[in-house]
Amino acid sequence: MALSRVAAEFAAEINQHDWSDAPYRADRAGHKRAVDRTNSPQLEPQQIEVLKMNVAWVTGQVLAFNDPNFNEHEFFEACGLNPRTTRGQLSGWVTNGLRFEDAPDGSRRYQIPGTYEYEGTVPATSS
C-alpha cells in the first residue's frame, strides 16, 4: 500500500534533512528520561532548543506546503518554542527557516517537500 501524499511528503522532508547533528540515540515517541535504563549523554538546554527548532522547521515546511492557513509562529509556539524577539514581537527567524518565495500578490509559494523546487517548475536534470 502506498503512503498518503502527506506521509510521503513528511518522509521526503525528513529524508532530505541533515540529521547528522542529532543526539546520541533514537528515543522513541514515549521515551521518558526519568525511567530510562541507559545513561546516554544529555544535551545542554541551548542544544535542545536548536534541535527542536530544526525539527519544527522540517515539519513546518511540509505543513506550510500543504496548508494555506499554516501559521509558523503559532506552530513554533505549540512546539514549545518562543517565536518572539526579546521585545515581544514575532520574530523573522521563524519564517526565514522555511523555504519559500513571495509571490507578487503577497502570498507565499513554498518549495515541494523533499526538493528545492516549486510546484509548476521543471525540475533540474543532472547531466
PDB file of N, CA and C in Angstrom:
ATOM      1  N   MET A   1       0.849  -1.180   0.000  1.00  0.00           N
ATOM      2  CA  MET A   1       0.000   0.000   0.000  1.00  0.00           C
ATOM      3  C   MET A   1       0.895   1.244   0.000  1.00  0.00           C
ATOM      4  N   ALA A   2       0.599   2.182  -0.870  1.00  0.00           N
ATOM      5  CA  ALA A   2       1.396   3.401  -0.994  1.00  0.00           C
ATOM      6  C   ALA A   2       1.095   4.358   0.158  1.00  0.00           C
ATOM      7  N   LEU A   3       2.086   5.166   0.501  1.00  0.00           N
ATOM      8  CA  LEU A   3       1.890   6.188   1.510  1.00  0.00           C
ATOM      9  C   LEU A   3       0.916   7.240   1.000  1.00  0.00           C
ATOM     10  N   SER A   4       0.207   7.866   1.920  1.00  0.00           N
ATOM     11  CA  SER A   4      -0.618   9.006   1.533  1.00  0.00           C
ATOM     12  C   SER A   4       0.293  10.131   1.067  1.00  0.00           C
ATOM     13  N   ARG A   5      -0.271  11.074   0.401  1.00  0.00           N
ATOM     14  CA  ARG A   5       0.510  12.211  -0.097  1.00  0.00           C
ATOM     15  C   ARG A   5       1.234  12.914   1.045  1.00  0.00           C
ATOM     16  N   VAL A   6       0.523  13.189   2.138  1.00  0.00           N
ATOM     17  CA  VAL A   6       1.130  13.896   3.267  1.00  0.00           C
ATOM     18  C   VAL A   6       2.234  13.055   3.896  1.00  0.00           C
ATOM     19  N   ALA A   7       1.990  11.765   4.075  1.00  0.00           N
ATOM     20  CA  ALA A   7       3.013  10.891   4.667  1.00  0.00           C
ATOM     21  C   ALA A   7       4.258  10.846   3.790  1.00  0.00           C
ATOM     22  N   ALA A   8       4.059  10.767   2.492  1.00  0.00           N
ATOM     23  CA  ALA A   8       5.198  10.743   1.574  1.00  0.00           C
ATOM     24  C   ALA A   8       5.975  12.060   1.626  1.00  0.00           C
ATOM     25  N   GLU A   9       5.278  13.164   1.758  1.00  0.00           N
ATOM     26  CA  GLU A   9       5.949  14.464   1.836  1.00  0.00           C
ATOM     27  C   GLU A   9       6.721  14.616   3.145  1.00  0.00           C
ATOM     28  N   PHE A  10       6.140  14.153   4.252  1.00  0.00           N
ATOM     29  CA  PHE A  10       6.880  14.172   5.512  1.00  0.00           C
ATOM     30  C   PHE A  10       8.133  13.307   5.385  1.00  0.00           C
ATOM     31  N   ALA A  11       7.989  12.131   4.829  1.00  0.00           N
ATOM     32  CA  ALA A  11       9.136  11.238   4.663  1.00  0.00           C
ATOM     33  C   ALA A  11      10.206  11.874   3.786  1.00  0.00           C
ATOM     34  N   ALA A  12       9.784  12.525   2.717  1.00  0.00           N
ATOM     35  CA  ALA A  12      10.748  13.175   1.822  1.00  0.00           C
ATOM     36  C   ALA A  12      11.478  14.305   2.537  1.00  0.00           C
ATOM     37  N   GLU A  13      10.768  15.080   3.316  1.00  0.00           N
ATOM     38  CA  GLU A  13      11.392  16.194   4.035  1.00  0.00           C
ATOM     39  C   GLU A  13      12.361  15.680   5.095  1.00  0.00           C
ATOM     40  N   ILE A  14      11.949  14.667   5.824  1.00  0.00           N
ATOM     41  CA  ILE A  14      12.828  14.092   6.841  1.00  0.00           C
ATOM     42  C   ILE A  14      14.053  13.473   6.194  1.00  0.00           C
ATOM     43  N   ASN A  15      13.856  12.786   5.086  1.00  0.00           N
ATOM     44  CA  ASN A  15      14.972  12.166   4.369  1.00  0.00           C
ATOM     45  C   ASN A  15      15.956  13.217   3.851  1.00  0.00           C
ATOM     46  N   GLN A  16      15.461  14.339   3.391  1.00  0.00           N
ATOM     47  CA  GLN A  16      16.314  15.395   2.848  1.00  0.00           C
ATOM     48  C   GLN A  16      17.110  16.102   3.939  1.00  0.00           C
ATOM     49  N   HIS A  17      16.514  16.231   5.098  1.00  0.00           N
ATOM     50  CA  HIS A  17      17.136  16.995   6.182  1.00  0.00           C
ATOM     51  C   HIS A  17      18.414  16.320   6.680  1.00  0.00           C
ATOM     52  N   ASP A  18      19.415  17.089   7.019  1.00  0.00           N
ATOM     53  CA  ASP A  18      20.664  16.551   7.554  1.00  0.00           C
ATOM     54  C   ASP A  18      20.525  16.383   9.068  1.00  0.00           C
ATOM     55  N   TRP A  19      20.382  15.164   9.494  1.00  0.00           N
ATOM     56  CA  TRP A  19      20.224  14.869  10.918  1.00  0.00           C
ATOM     57  C   TRP A  19      21.563  14.545  11.583  1.00  0.00           C
ATOM     58  N   SER A  20      22.689  14.846  10.950  1.00  0.00           N
ATOM     59  CA  SER A  20      23.997  14.447  11.477  1.00  0.00           C
ATOM     60  C   SER A  20      24.310  15.071  12.838  1.00  0.00           C
ATOM     61  N   ASP A  21      23.622  16.145  13.191  1.00  0.00           N
ATOM     62  CA  ASP A  21      23.843  16.760  14.498  1.00  0.00           C
ATOM     63  C   ASP A  21      22.850  16.286  15.554  1.00  0.00           C
ATOM     64  N   ALA A  22      21.976  15.373  15.174  1.00  0.00           N
ATOM     65  CA  ALA A  22      21.002  14.854  16.145  1.00  0.00           C
ATOM     66  C   ALA A  22      21.726  14.101  17.252  1.00  0.00           C
ATOM     67  N   PRO A  23      21.163  14.057  18.435  1.00  0.00           N
ATOM     68  CA  PRO A  23      21.863  13.436  19.554  1.00  0.00           C
ATOM     69  C   PRO A  23      22.069  11.932  19.432  1.00  0.00           C
ATOM     70  N   TYR A  24      22.379  11.366  20.481  1.00  0.00           N
ATOM     71  CA  TYR A  24      23.106  10.122  20.583  1.00  0.00           C
ATOM     72  C   TYR A  24      22.339   8.829  20.384  1.00  0.00           C
ATOM     73  N   ARG A  25      21.045   8.858  20.295  1.00  0.00           N
ATOM     74  CA  ARG A  25      20.274   7.622  20.148  1.00  0.00           C
ATOM     75  C   ARG A  25      18.856   7.934  19.694  1.00  0.00           C
ATOM     76  N   ALA A  26      18.158   6.915  19.227  1.00  0.00           N
ATOM     77  CA  ALA A  26      16.739   7.055  18.902  1.00  0.00           C
ATOM     78  C   ALA A  26      15.960   6.959  20.212  1.00  0.00           C
ATOM     79  N   ASP A  27      15.081   7.890  20.419  1.00  0.00           N
ATOM     80  CA  ASP A  27      14.382   7.964  21.706  1.00  0.00           C
ATOM     81  C   ASP A  27      12.915   7.560  21.681  1.00  0.00           C
ATOM     82  N   ARG A  28      12.420   6.963  20.661  1.00  0.00           N
ATOM     83  CA  ARG A  28      11.014   6.593  20.509  1.00  0.00           C
ATOM     84  C   ARG A  28      10.083   7.668  21.079  1.00  0.00           C
ATOM     85  N   ALA A  29       8.881   7.723  20.597  1.00  0.00           N
ATOM     86  CA  ALA A  29       7.964   8.806  20.945  1.00  0.00           C
ATOM     87  C   ALA A  29       7.622   8.856  22.433  1.00  0.00           C
ATOM     88  N   GLY A  30       7.636   7.707  23.104  1.00  0.00           N
ATOM     89  CA  GLY A  30       7.223   7.679  24.507  1.00  0.00           C
ATOM     90  C   GLY A  30       8.355   7.702  25.510  1.00  0.00           C
ATOM     91  N   HIS A  31       9.559   7.998  25.072  1.00  0.00           N
ATOM     92  CA  HIS A  31      10.723   7.973  25.970  1.00  0.00           C
ATOM     93  C   HIS A  31      10.578   8.975  27.109  1.00  0.00           C
ATOM     94  N   LYS A  32      10.896   8.526  28.322  1.00  0.00           N
ATOM     95  CA  LYS A  32      10.934   9.416  29.486  1.00  0.00           C
ATOM     96  C   LYS A  32      12.253   9.195  30.198  1.00  0.00           C
ATOM     97  N   ARG A  33      13.052  10.216  30.316  1.00  0.00           N
ATOM     98  CA  ARG A  33      14.360  10.113  30.933  1.00  0.00           C
ATOM     99  C   ARG A  33      14.267   9.610  32.376  1.00  0.00           C
ATOM    100  N   ALA A  34      13.215   9.954  33.092  1.00  0.00           N
ATOM    101  CA  ALA A  34      13.073   9.557  34.497  1.00  0.00           C
ATOM    102  C   ALA A  34      13.044   8.041  34.673  1.00  0.00           C
ATOM    103  N   VAL A  35      12.598   7.309  33.662  1.00  0.00           N
ATOM    104  CA  VAL A  35      12.544   5.848  33.769  1.00  0.00           C
ATOM    105  C   VAL A  35      13.505   5.180  32.789  1.00  0.00           C
ATOM    106  N   ASP A  36      14.467   5.928  32.304  1.00  0.00           N
ATOM    107  CA  ASP A  36      15.437   5.431  31.332  1.00  0.00           C
ATOM    108  C   ASP A  36      16.434   4.502  32.013  1.00  0.00           C
ATOM    109  N   ARG A  37      16.727   3.389  31.354  1.00  0.00           N
ATOM    110  CA  ARG A  37      17.693   2.434  31.904  1.00  0.00           C
ATOM    111  C   ARG A  37      19.101   2.662  31.378  1.00  0.00           C
ATOM    112  N   THR A  38      19.256   3.539  30.412  1.00  0.00           N
ATOM    113  CA  THR A  38      20.585   3.823  29.880  1.00  0.00           C
ATOM    114  C   THR A  38      21.056   5.167  30.407  1.00  0.00           C
ATOM    115  N   ASN A  39      22.322   5.383  30.324  1.00  0.00           N
ATOM    116  CA  ASN A  39      22.900   6.630  30.805  1.00  0.00           C
ATOM    117  C   ASN A  39      23.542   7.367  29.632  1.00  0.00           C
ATOM    118  N   SER A  40      22.734   7.748  28.659  1.00  0.00           N
ATOM    119  CA  SER A  40      23.271   8.452  27.497  1.00  0.00           C
ATOM    120  C   SER A  40      23.522   9.919  27.854  1.00  0.00           C
ATOM    121  N   PRO A  41      24.439  10.559  27.133  1.00  0.00           N
ATOM    122  CA  PRO A  41      24.740  11.976  27.420  1.00  0.00           C
ATOM    123  C   PRO A  41      23.507  12.848  27.218  1.00  0.00           C
ATOM    124  N   GLN A  42      23.424  13.926  27.959  1.00  0.00           N
ATOM    125  CA  GLN A  42      22.337  14.885  27.821  1.00  0.00           C
ATOM    126  C   GLN A  42      22.831  16.120  27.088  1.00  0.00           C
ATOM    127  N   LEU A  43      21.968  16.651  26.258  1.00  0.00           N
ATOM    128  CA  LEU A  43      22.275  17.915  25.582  1.00  0.00           C
ATOM    129  C   LEU A  43      22.096  19.076  26.557  1.00  0.00           C
ATOM    130  N   GLU A  44      22.802  20.140  26.292  1.00  0.00           N
ATOM    131  CA  GLU A  44      22.605  21.378  27.039  1.00  0.00           C
ATOM    132  C   GLU A  44      21.275  21.999  26.590  1.00  0.00           C
ATOM    133  N   PRO A  45      20.641  22.821  27.424  1.00  0.00           N
ATOM    134  CA  PRO A  45      19.359  23.435  27.047  1.00  0.00           C
ATOM    135  C   PRO A  45      19.385  24.138  25.693  1.00  0.00           C
ATOM    136  N   GLN A  46      20.470  24.854  25.375  1.00  0.00           N
ATOM    137  CA  GLN A  46      20.566  25.544  24.078  1.00  0.00           C
ATOM    138  C   GLN A  46      20.593  24.536  22.931  1.00  0.00           C
ATOM    139  N   GLN A  47      21.269  23.412  23.125  1.00  0.00           N
ATOM    140  CA  GLN A  47      21.319  22.371  22.094  1.00  0.00           C
ATOM    141  C   GLN A  47      19.927  21.776  21.870  1.00  0.00           C
ATOM    142  N   ILE A  48      19.191  21.568  22.934  1.00  0.00           N
ATOM    143  CA  ILE A  48      17.823  21.039  22.823  1.00  0.00           C
ATOM    144  C   ILE A  48      16.950  22.012  22.042  1.00  0.00           C
ATOM    145  N   GLU A  49      17.113  23.306  22.334  1.00  0.00           N
ATOM    146  CA  GLU A  49      16.337  24.338  21.636  1.00  0.00           C
ATOM    147  C   GLU A  49      16.631  24.322  20.131  1.00  0.00           C
ATOM    148  N   VAL A  50      17.894  24.221  19.769  1.00  0.00           N
ATOM    149  CA  VAL A  50      18.277  24.206  18.354  1.00  0.00           C
ATOM    150  C   VAL A  50      17.729  22.961  17.667  1.00  0.00           C
ATOM    151  N   LEU A  51      17.822  21.823  18.316  1.00  0.00           N
ATOM    152  CA  LEU A  51      17.274  20.593  17.749  1.00  0.00           C
ATOM    153  C   LEU A  51      15.767  20.714  17.538  1.00  0.00           C
ATOM    154  N   LYS A  52      15.055  21.233  18.525  1.00  0.00           N
ATOM    155  CA  LYS A  52      13.607  21.421  18.390  1.00  0.00           C
ATOM    156  C   LYS A  52      13.271  22.384  17.258  1.00  0.00           C
ATOM    157  N   MET A  53      14.072  23.438  17.101  1.00  0.00           N
ATOM    158  CA  MET A  53      13.831  24.389  16.008  1.00  0.00           C
ATOM    159  C   MET A  53      13.978  23.695  14.657  1.00  0.00           C
ATOM    160  N   ASN A  54      15.022  22.891  14.504  1.00  0.00           N
ATOM    161  CA  ASN A  54      15.220  22.194  13.237  1.00  0.00           C
ATOM    162  C   ASN A  54      14.080  21.235  12.934  1.00  0.00           C
ATOM    163  N   VAL A  55      13.629  20.509  13.935  1.00  0.00           N
ATOM    164  CA  VAL A  55      12.502  19.597  13.736  1.00  0.00           C
ATOM    165  C   VAL A  55      11.242  20.389  13.387  1.00  0.00           C
ATOM    166  N   ALA A  56      11.018  21.511  14.054  1.00  0.00           N
ATOM    167  CA  ALA A  56       9.847  22.347  13.758  1.00  0.00           C
ATOM    168  C   ALA A  56       9.910  22.898  12.339  1.00  0.00           C
ATOM    169  N   TRP A  57      11.090  23.328  11.896  1.00  0.00           N
ATOM    170  CA  TRP A  57      11.209  23.839  10.525  1.00  0.00           C
ATOM    171  C   TRP A  57      10.972  22.748   9.493  1.00  0.00           C
ATOM    172  N   VAL A  58      11.532  21.568   9.715  1.00  0.00           N
ATOM    173  CA  VAL A  58      11.338  20.469   8.759  1.00  0.00           C
ATOM    174  C   VAL A  58       9.859  20.097   8.681  1.00  0.00           C
ATOM    175  N   THR A  59       9.235  19.956   9.822  1.00  0.00           N
ATOM    176  CA  THR A  59       7.811  19.624   9.851  1.00  0.00           C
ATOM    177  C   THR A  59       6.979  20.777   9.298  1.00  0.00           C
ATOM    178  N   GLY A  60       7.335  21.992   9.689  1.00  0.00           N
ATOM    179  CA  GLY A  60       6.620  23.169   9.208  1.00  0.00           C
ATOM    180  C   GLY A  60       6.694  23.344   7.706  1.00  0.00           C
ATOM    181  N   GLN A  61       7.811  22.933   7.103  1.00  0.00           N
ATOM    182  CA  GLN A  61       7.939  23.029   5.644  1.00  0.00           C
ATOM    183  C   GLN A  61       6.838  22.214   4.961  1.00  0.00           C
ATOM    184  N   VAL A  62       6.613  21.009   5.448  1.00  0.00           N
ATOM    185  CA  VAL A  62       5.572  20.148   4.867  1.00  0.00           C
ATOM    186  C   VAL A  62       4.189  20.726   5.156  1.00  0.00           C
ATOM    187  N   LEU A  63       3.972  21.174   6.382  1.00  0.00           N
ATOM    188  CA  LEU A  63       2.669  21.743   6.731  1.00  0.00           C
ATOM    189  C   LEU A  63       2.382  22.997   5.915  1.00  0.00           C
ATOM    190  N   ALA A  64       3.368  23.871   5.778  1.00  0.00           N
ATOM    191  CA  ALA A  64       3.162  25.110   5.013  1.00  0.00           C
ATOM    192  C   ALA A  64       2.864  24.817   3.549  1.00  0.00           C
ATOM    193  N   PHE A  65       3.526  23.821   2.999  1.00  0.00           N
ATOM    194  CA  PHE A  65       3.276  23.459   1.602  1.00  0.00           C
ATOM    195  C   PHE A  65       1.845  22.950   1.419  1.00  0.00           C
ATOM    196  N   ASN A  66       1.320  22.243   2.397  1.00  0.00           N
ATOM    197  CA  ASN A  66       0.001  21.615   2.280  1.00  0.00           C
ATOM    198  C   ASN A  66      -1.161  22.441   2.810  1.00  0.00           C
ATOM    199  N   ASP A  67      -0.903  23.372   3.702  1.00  0.00           N
ATOM    200  CA  ASP A  67      -1.980  24.095   4.372  1.00  0.00           C
ATOM    201  C   ASP A  67      -1.853  25.591   4.113  1.00  0.00           C
ATOM    202  N   PRO A  68      -2.743  26.161   3.299  1.00  0.00           N
ATOM    203  CA  PRO A  68      -2.650  27.599   3.006  1.00  0.00           C
ATOM    204  C   PRO A  68      -2.886  28.475   4.238  1.00  0.00           C
ATOM    205  N   ASN A  69      -3.415  27.885   5.309  1.00  0.00           N
ATOM    206  CA  ASN A  69      -3.680  28.642   6.534  1.00  0.00           C
ATOM    207  C   ASN A  69      -2.609  28.433   7.603  1.00  0.00           C
ATOM    208  N   PHE A  70      -1.528  27.755   7.264  1.00  0.00           N
ATOM    209  CA  PHE A  70      -0.471  27.471   8.225  1.00  0.00           C
ATOM    210  C   PHE A  70       0.148  28.767   8.749  1.00  0.00           C
ATOM    211  N   ASN A  71       0.340  28.827  10.063  1.00  0.00           N
ATOM    212  CA  ASN A  71       0.984  29.971  10.696  1.00  0.00           C
ATOM    213  C   ASN A  71       2.207  29.453  11.444  1.00  0.00           C
ATOM    214  N   GLU A  72       3.381  29.771  10.932  1.00  0.00           N
ATOM    215  CA  GLU A  72       4.607  29.219  11.508  1.00  0.00           C
ATOM    216  C   GLU A  72       4.867  29.682  12.933  1.00  0.00           C
ATOM    217  N   HIS A  73       4.450  30.897  13.275  1.00  0.00           N
ATOM    218  CA  HIS A  73       4.671  31.377  14.640  1.00  0.00           C
ATOM    219  C   HIS A  73       3.802  30.625  15.639  1.00  0.00           C
ATOM    220  N   GLU A  74       2.543  30.394  15.308  1.00  0.00           N
ATOM    221  CA  GLU A  74       1.675  29.593  16.178  1.00  0.00           C
ATOM    222  C   GLU A  74       2.194  28.165  16.303  1.00  0.00           C
ATOM    223  N   PHE A  75       2.683  27.622  15.191  1.00  0.00           N
ATOM    224  CA  PHE A  75       3.219  26.269  15.199  1.00  0.00           C
ATOM    225  C   PHE A  75       4.440  26.172  16.105  1.00  0.00           C
ATOM    226  N   PHE A  76       5.366  27.129  15.986  1.00  0.00           N
ATOM    227  CA  PHE A  76       6.552  27.113  16.840  1.00  0.00           C
ATOM    228  C   PHE A  76       6.155  27.219  18.308  1.00  0.00           C
ATOM    229  N   GLU A  77       5.205  28.069  18.609  1.00  0.00           N
ATOM    230  CA  GLU A  77       4.754  28.211  19.992  1.00  0.00           C
ATOM    231  C   GLU A  77       4.141  26.903  20.500  1.00  0.00           C
ATOM    232  N   ALA A  78       3.340  26.238  19.667  1.00  0.00           N
ATOM    233  CA  ALA A  78       2.747  24.960  20.052  1.00  0.00           C
ATOM    234  C   ALA A  78       3.811  23.875  20.229  1.00  0.00           C
ATOM    235  N   CYS A  79       4.949  24.033  19.568  1.00  0.00           N
ATOM    236  CA  CYS A  79       6.077  23.093  19.717  1.00  0.00           C
ATOM    237  C   CYS A  79       6.878  23.363  20.984  1.00  0.00           C
ATOM    238  N   GLY A  80       6.511  24.377  21.737  1.00  0.00           N
ATOM    239  CA  GLY A  80       7.252  24.720  22.945  1.00  0.00           C
ATOM    240  C   GLY A  80       8.422  25.650  22.697  1.00  0.00           C
ATOM    241  N   LEU A  81       8.417  26.311  21.546  1.00  0.00           N
ATOM    242  CA  LEU A  81       9.480  27.247  21.189  1.00  0.00           C
ATOM    243  C   LEU A  81       8.948  28.672  21.251  1.00  0.00           C
ATOM    244  N   ASN A  82       9.801  29.612  21.589  1.00  0.00           N
ATOM    245  CA  ASN A  82       9.399  31.007  21.672  1.00  0.00           C
ATOM    246  C   ASN A  82       9.582  31.670  20.309  1.00  0.00           C
ATOM    247  N   PRO A  83       8.487  32.038  19.641  1.00  0.00           N
ATOM    248  CA  PRO A  83       8.598  32.650  18.317  1.00  0.00           C
ATOM    249  C   PRO A  83       8.740  34.174  18.361  1.00  0.00           C
ATOM    250  N   ARG A  84       9.088  34.726  19.516  1.00  0.00           N
ATOM    251  CA  ARG A  84       9.139  36.183  19.669  1.00  0.00           C
ATOM    252  C   ARG A  84      10.553  36.691  19.972  1.00  0.00           C
ATOM    253  N   THR A  85      10.760  37.946  19.623  1.00  0.00           N
ATOM    254  CA  THR A  85      12.023  38.608  19.942  1.00  0.00           C
ATOM    255  C   THR A  85      12.024  38.979  21.421  1.00  0.00           C
ATOM    256  N   THR A  86      13.145  39.489  21.906  1.00  0.00           N
ATOM    257  CA  THR A  86      13.213  39.925  23.310  1.00  0.00           C
ATOM    258  C   THR A  86      12.270  41.092  23.584  1.00  0.00           C
ATOM    259  N   ARG A  87      11.843  41.789  22.534  1.00  0.00           N
ATOM    260  CA  ARG A  87      10.879  42.895  22.685  1.00  0.00           C
ATOM    261  C   ARG A  87       9.435  42.430  22.562  1.00  0.00           C
ATOM    262  N   GLY A  88       9.226  41.126  22.321  1.00  0.00           N
ATOM    263  CA  GLY A  88       7.876  40.581  22.268  1.00  0.00           C
ATOM    264  C   GLY A  88       7.243  40.547  20.884  1.00  0.00           C
ATOM    265  N   GLN A  89       7.969  40.991  19.864  1.00  0.00           N
ATOM    266  CA  GLN A  89       7.425  40.968  18.506  1.00  0.00           C
ATOM    267  C   GLN A  89       7.657  39.590  17.887  1.00  0.00           C
ATOM    268  N   LEU A  90       6.811  39.226  16.905  1.00  0.00           N
ATOM    269  CA  LEU A  90       7.022  37.968  16.193  1.00  0.00           C
ATOM    270  C   LEU A  90       8.343  38.037  15.452  1.00  0.00           C
ATOM    271  N   SER A  91       9.130  37.000  15.580  1.00  0.00           N
ATOM    272  CA  SER A  91      10.477  37.002  15.046  1.00  0.00           C
ATOM    273  C   SER A  91      10.532  36.541  13.594  1.00  0.00           C
ATOM    274  N   GLY A  92      11.342  37.235  12.791  1.00  0.00           N
ATOM    275  CA  GLY A  92      11.538  36.861  11.398  1.00  0.00           C
ATOM    276  C   GLY A  92      12.337  35.579  11.235  1.00  0.00           C
ATOM    277  N   TRP A  93      13.138  35.190  12.232  1.00  0.00           N
ATOM    278  CA  TRP A  93      13.949  33.979  12.083  1.00  0.00           C
ATOM    279  C   TRP A  93      13.076  32.745  11.972  1.00  0.00           C
ATOM    280  N   VAL A  94      11.878  32.764  12.552  1.00  0.00           N
ATOM    281  CA  VAL A  94      10.973  31.619  12.428  1.00  0.00           C
ATOM    282  C   VAL A  94      10.585  31.443  10.966  1.00  0.00           C
ATOM    283  N   THR A  95      10.151  32.511  10.332  1.00  0.00           N
ATOM    284  CA  THR A  95       9.761  32.480   8.920  1.00  0.00           C
ATOM    285  C   THR A  95      10.947  32.164   8.021  1.00  0.00           C
ATOM    286  N   ASN A  96      12.102  32.708   8.322  1.00  0.00           N
ATOM    287  CA  ASN A  96      13.279  32.527   7.470  1.00  0.00           C
ATOM    288  C   ASN A  96      13.811  31.095   7.478  1.00  0.00           C
ATOM    289  N   GLY A  97      13.355  30.268   8.374  1.00  0.00           N
ATOM    290  CA  GLY A  97      13.757  28.868   8.385  1.00  0.00           C
ATOM    291  C   GLY A  97      13.007  28.019   7.381  1.00  0.00           C
ATOM    292  N   LEU A  98      11.976  28.573   6.764  1.00  0.00           N
ATOM    293  CA  LEU A  98      11.186  27.851   5.766  1.00  0.00           C
ATOM    294  C   LEU A  98      11.647  28.237   4.367  1.00  0.00           C
ATOM    295  N   ARG A  99      11.500  27.313   3.427  1.00  0.00           N
ATOM    296  CA  ARG A  99      11.904  27.568   2.040  1.00  0.00           C
ATOM    297  C   ARG A  99      10.683  28.020   1.234  1.00  0.00           C
ATOM    298  N   PHE A 100      10.663  29.294   0.876  1.00  0.00           N
ATOM    299  CA  PHE A 100       9.541  29.845   0.117  1.00  0.00           C
ATOM    300  C   PHE A 100      10.001  31.058  -0.657  1.00  0.00           C
ATOM    301  N   GLU A 101       9.134  31.511  -1.540  1.00  0.00           N
ATOM    302  CA  GLU A 101       9.347  32.787  -2.213  1.00  0.00           C
ATOM    303  C   GLU A 101       8.049  33.575  -2.122  1.00  0.00           C
ATOM    304  N   ASP A 102       8.177  34.888  -2.094  1.00  0.00           N
ATOM    305  CA  ASP A 102       7.000  35.755  -2.061  1.00  0.00           C
ATOM    306  C   ASP A 102       6.474  35.925  -3.474  1.00  0.00           C
ATOM    307  N   ALA A 103       5.180  35.752  -3.630  1.00  0.00           N
ATOM    308  CA  ALA A 103       4.528  35.956  -4.922  1.00  0.00           C
ATOM    309  C   ALA A 103       4.156  37.438  -5.059  1.00  0.00           C
ATOM    310  N   PRO A 104       3.957  37.916  -6.285  1.00  0.00           N
ATOM    311  CA  PRO A 104       3.591  39.325  -6.493  1.00  0.00           C
ATOM    312  C   PRO A 104       2.311  39.738  -5.760  1.00  0.00           C
ATOM    313  N   ASP A 105       1.398  38.766  -5.536  1.00  0.00           N
ATOM    314  CA  ASP A 105       0.147  39.105  -4.851  1.00  0.00           C
ATOM    315  C   ASP A 105       0.293  39.139  -3.333  1.00  0.00           C
ATOM    316  N   GLY A 106       1.513  38.939  -2.820  1.00  0.00           N
ATOM    317  CA  GLY A 106       1.756  38.985  -1.382  1.00  0.00           C
ATOM    318  C   GLY A 106       1.688  37.625  -0.700  1.00  0.00           C
ATOM    319  N   SER A 107       1.267  36.609  -1.425  1.00  0.00           N
ATOM    320  CA  SER A 107       1.222  35.267  -0.845  1.00  0.00           C
ATOM    321  C   SER A 107       2.609  34.638  -0.900  1.00  0.00           C
ATOM    322  N   ARG A 108       2.730  33.468  -0.328  1.00  0.00           N
ATOM    323  CA  ARG A 108       3.996  32.735  -0.358  1.00  0.00           C
ATOM    324  C   ARG A 108       3.831  31.466  -1.167  1.00  0.00           C
ATOM    325  N   ARG A 109       4.882  31.078  -1.820  1.00  0.00           N
ATOM    326  CA  ARG A 109       4.929  29.812  -2.556  1.00  0.00           C
ATOM    327  C   ARG A 109       6.050  28.994  -1.922  1.00  0.00           C
ATOM    328  N   TYR A 110       5.665  27.860  -1.324  1.00  0.00           N
ATOM    329  CA  TYR A 110       6.626  27.012  -0.611  1.00  0.00           C
ATOM    330  C   TYR A 110       7.202  25.959  -1.539  1.00  0.00           C
ATOM    331  N   GLN A 111       8.459  25.584  -1.286  1.00  0.00           N
ATOM    332  CA  GLN A 111       9.081  24.530  -2.078  1.00  0.00           C
ATOM    333  C   GLN A 111       8.442  23.181  -1.752  1.00  0.00           C
ATOM    334  N   ILE A 112       8.425  22.326  -2.751  1.00  0.00           N
ATOM    335  CA  ILE A 112       7.862  20.989  -2.625  1.00  0.00           C
ATOM    336  C   ILE A 112       8.693  20.214  -1.602  1.00  0.00           C
ATOM    337  N   PRO A 113       8.048  19.581  -0.609  1.00  0.00           N
ATOM    338  CA  PRO A 113       8.800  18.819   0.389  1.00  0.00           C
ATOM    339  C   PRO A 113       9.745  17.800  -0.253  1.00  0.00           C
ATOM    340  N   GLY A 114      10.946  17.751   0.293  1.00  0.00           N
ATOM    341  CA  GLY A 114      11.953  16.827  -0.209  1.00  0.00           C
ATOM    342  C   GLY A 114      12.690  17.310  -1.438  1.00  0.00           C
ATOM    343  N   THR A 115      12.432  18.565  -1.856  1.00  0.00           N
ATOM    344  CA  THR A 115      13.097  19.134  -3.031  1.00  0.00           C
ATOM    345  C   THR A 115      13.427  20.594  -2.764  1.00  0.00           C
ATOM    346  N   TYR A 116      14.087  21.192  -3.728  1.00  0.00           N
ATOM    347  CA  TYR A 116      14.289  22.641  -3.725  1.00  0.00           C
ATOM    348  C   TYR A 116      13.551  23.246  -4.916  1.00  0.00           C
ATOM    349  N   GLU A 117      12.491  22.589  -5.344  1.00  0.00           N
ATOM    350  CA  GLU A 117      11.693  23.001  -6.499  1.00  0.00           C
ATOM    351  C   GLU A 117      10.340  23.539  -6.040  1.00  0.00           C
ATOM    352  N   TYR A 118       9.738  24.349  -6.900  1.00  0.00           N
ATOM    353  CA  TYR A 118       8.394  24.855  -6.666  1.00  0.00           C
ATOM    354  C   TYR A 118       7.430  24.139  -7.582  1.00  0.00           C
ATOM    355  N   GLU A 119       6.197  24.002  -7.135  1.00  0.00           N
ATOM    356  CA  GLU A 119       5.166  23.392  -7.967  1.00  0.00           C
ATOM    357  C   GLU A 119       5.042  24.165  -9.269  1.00  0.00           C
ATOM    358  N   GLY A 120       4.953  23.428 -10.368  1.00  0.00           N
ATOM    359  CA  GLY A 120       4.808  24.055 -11.661  1.00  0.00           C
ATOM    360  C   GLY A 120       6.115  24.393 -12.339  1.00  0.00           C
ATOM    361  N   THR A 121       7.257  24.112 -11.685  1.00  0.00           N
ATOM    362  CA  THR A 121       8.549  24.341 -12.329  1.00  0.00           C
ATOM    363  C   THR A 121       9.093  23.013 -12.815  1.00  0.00           C
ATOM    364  N   VAL A 122       9.943  23.073 -13.770  1.00  0.00           N
ATOM    365  CA  VAL A 122      10.557  21.864 -14.315  1.00  0.00           C
ATOM    366  C   VAL A 122      11.777  21.546 -13.456  1.00  0.00           C
ATOM    367  N   PRO A 123      11.815  20.354 -12.840  1.00  0.00           N
ATOM    368  CA  PRO A 123      12.974  20.009 -12.006  1.00  0.00           C
ATOM    369  C   PRO A 123      14.264  20.033 -12.807  1.00  0.00           C
ATOM    370  N   ALA A 124      15.341  20.414 -12.147  1.00  0.00           N
ATOM    371  CA  ALA A 124      16.655  20.412 -12.797  1.00  0.00           C
ATOM    372  C   ALA A 124      17.067  18.966 -13.067  1.00  0.00           C
ATOM    373  N   THR A 125      17.666  18.739 -14.220  1.00  0.00           N
ATOM    374  CA  THR A 125      18.130  17.398 -14.551  1.00  0.00           C
ATOM    375  C   THR A 125      19.637  17.361 -14.432  1.00  0.00           C
ATOM    376  N   SER A 126      20.148  16.209 -14.023  1.00  0.00           N
ATOM    377  CA  SER A 126      21.593  16.073 -13.929  1.00  0.00           C
ATOM    378  C   SER A 126      22.142  15.583 -15.259  1.00  0.00           C
ATOM    379  N   SER A 127      23.297  16.076 -15.628  1.00  0.00           N
ATOM    380  CA  SER A 127      23.906  15.712 -16.905  1.00  0.00           C
ATOM    381  C   SER A 127      24.818  14.525 -16.756  1.00  0.00           C
TER     382      SER A 127
END
